[in-house]
Amino acid sequence: MSKRGSAIARRVIHTLALQSISTSRTGEAKNPVLRDYYLKKCESKPKLVAMGAVAYKICNMIFAILRNNKPFEIIKPEDHIKQYNAPKCGIAA
């Protein structure tokens, strides 16, 4: 991770990533999609590199939320692919 930009913003995004991959007291993931992504990355990469990948994904999520002006909702990757491949309009070409 580069040290460009705001140190406070980097710290906030790192804290968001840390909280997103953690589990609650009951043992369930706070954000199951990001936790699965983190655990998958940890199989082949060091933990801080995997944390950086999660932070990058959170940055992409933040910018998508701001761009689309929609609230955040947790969507599994399989559901996201179904929504993406669904026809955009009712007219068939």
Protein backbone atom coordinates (compact mmCIF):
# COMPACT_ATOMS: atom_id res chain seq x y z
CA MET A 1 0.00 0.00 0.00
CA SER A 2 1.38 3.37 -0.92
CA LYS A 3 1.66 6.19 1.57
CA ARG A 4 0.05 8.73 -0.74
CA GLY A 5 -3.06 10.62 0.18
CA SER A 6 -4.55 11.22 3.57
CA ALA A 7 -3.14 9.23 6.47
CA ILE A 8 -6.47 9.54 8.27
CA ALA A 9 -8.37 8.10 5.29
CA ARG A 10 -5.94 5.16 5.08
CA ARG A 11 -6.35 4.53 8.80
CA VAL A 12 -10.15 4.62 8.53
CA ILE A 13 -10.18 2.21 5.57
CA HIS A 14 -7.78 -0.13 7.40
CA THR A 15 -10.07 -0.07 10.45
CA LEU A 16 -13.08 -0.75 8.21
CA ALA A 17 -11.25 -3.72 6.70
CA LEU A 18 -10.32 -5.04 10.14
CA GLN A 19 -13.91 -4.81 11.36
CA SER A 20 -15.31 -6.29 8.15
CA ILE A 21 -13.30 -9.49 8.39
CA SER A 22 -13.83 -9.98 12.13
CA THR A 23 -16.46 -12.17 13.72
CA SER A 24 -19.07 -11.26 16.29
CA ARG A 25 -19.30 -12.78 19.75
CA THR A 26 -21.58 -15.49 18.42
CA GLY A 27 -18.93 -16.52 15.88
CA GLU A 28 -20.66 -15.34 12.72
CA ALA A 29 -18.86 -13.02 10.33
CA LYS A 30 -19.83 -9.34 10.37
CA ASN A 31 -19.46 -9.21 6.59
CA PRO A 32 -19.41 -12.81 5.32
CA VAL A 33 -18.49 -11.86 1.74
CA LEU A 34 -15.36 -9.93 2.75
CA ARG A 35 -14.42 -12.52 5.39
CA ASP A 36 -14.55 -15.34 2.81
CA TYR A 37 -12.51 -13.20 0.42
CA TYR A 38 -9.93 -12.53 3.16
CA LEU A 39 -9.65 -16.20 4.15
CA LYS A 40 -9.24 -17.20 0.51
CA LYS A 41 -6.46 -14.65 0.06
CA CYS A 42 -4.75 -15.80 3.28
CA GLU A 43 -4.29 -19.27 1.79
CA SER A 44 -1.70 -17.97 -0.66
CA LYS A 45 -0.60 -14.58 0.71
CA PRO A 46 0.58 -13.09 4.02
CA LYS A 47 -2.13 -11.68 6.29
CA LEU A 48 -1.28 -8.00 5.77
CA VAL A 49 -1.26 -8.43 1.99
CA ALA A 50 -4.70 -10.03 2.24
CA MET A 51 -5.80 -7.14 4.47
CA GLY A 52 -4.60 -4.72 1.79
CA ALA A 53 -6.70 -6.57 -0.80
CA VAL A 54 -9.77 -6.26 1.46
CA ALA A 55 -9.06 -2.54 1.95
CA TYR A 56 -8.83 -2.09 -1.83
CA LYS A 57 -12.16 -3.89 -2.26
CA ILE A 58 -13.71 -1.61 0.39
CA CYS A 59 -12.43 1.44 -1.52
CA ASN A 60 -14.12 0.14 -4.66
CA MET A 61 -17.34 -0.40 -2.71
CA ILE A 62 -17.24 3.14 -1.30
CA PHE A 63 -16.77 4.69 -4.73
CA ALA A 64 -19.56 2.52 -6.21
CA ILE A 65 -21.92 3.62 -3.44
CA LEU A 66 -21.07 7.27 -4.06
CA ARG A 67 -21.31 6.90 -7.85
CA ASN A 68 -24.66 5.08 -7.87
CA ASN A 69 -26.10 7.01 -4.91
CA LYS A 70 -27.52 3.79 -3.41
CA PRO A 71 -27.36 2.40 0.14
CA PHE A 72 -24.89 -0.37 1.00
CA GLU A 73 -26.17 -3.93 1.01
CA ILE A 74 -24.25 -7.17 1.32
CA ILE A 75 -24.63 -9.23 -1.85
CA LYS A 76 -22.95 -12.60 -2.35
CA PRO A 77 -20.80 -12.87 -5.49
CA GLU A 78 -23.14 -15.47 -7.02
CA ASP A 79 -26.15 -13.15 -6.63
CA HIS A 80 -24.16 -10.26 -8.04
CA ILE A 81 -23.32 -12.28 -11.17
CA LYS A 82 -27.02 -13.16 -11.61
CA GLN A 83 -28.00 -9.48 -11.32
CA TYR A 84 -25.28 -8.43 -13.74
CA ASN A 85 -26.24 -11.02 -16.36
CA ALA A 86 -29.97 -10.29 -16.07
CA PRO A 87 -31.41 -8.43 -19.06
CA LYS A 88 -31.17 -4.67 -18.60
CA CYS A 89 -34.41 -3.96 -20.44
CA GLY A 90 -37.41 -5.92 -21.71
CA ILE A 91 -36.47 -5.58 -25.40
CA ALA A 92 -34.69 -8.54 -26.99
CA ALA A 93 -32.32 -7.82 -29.84
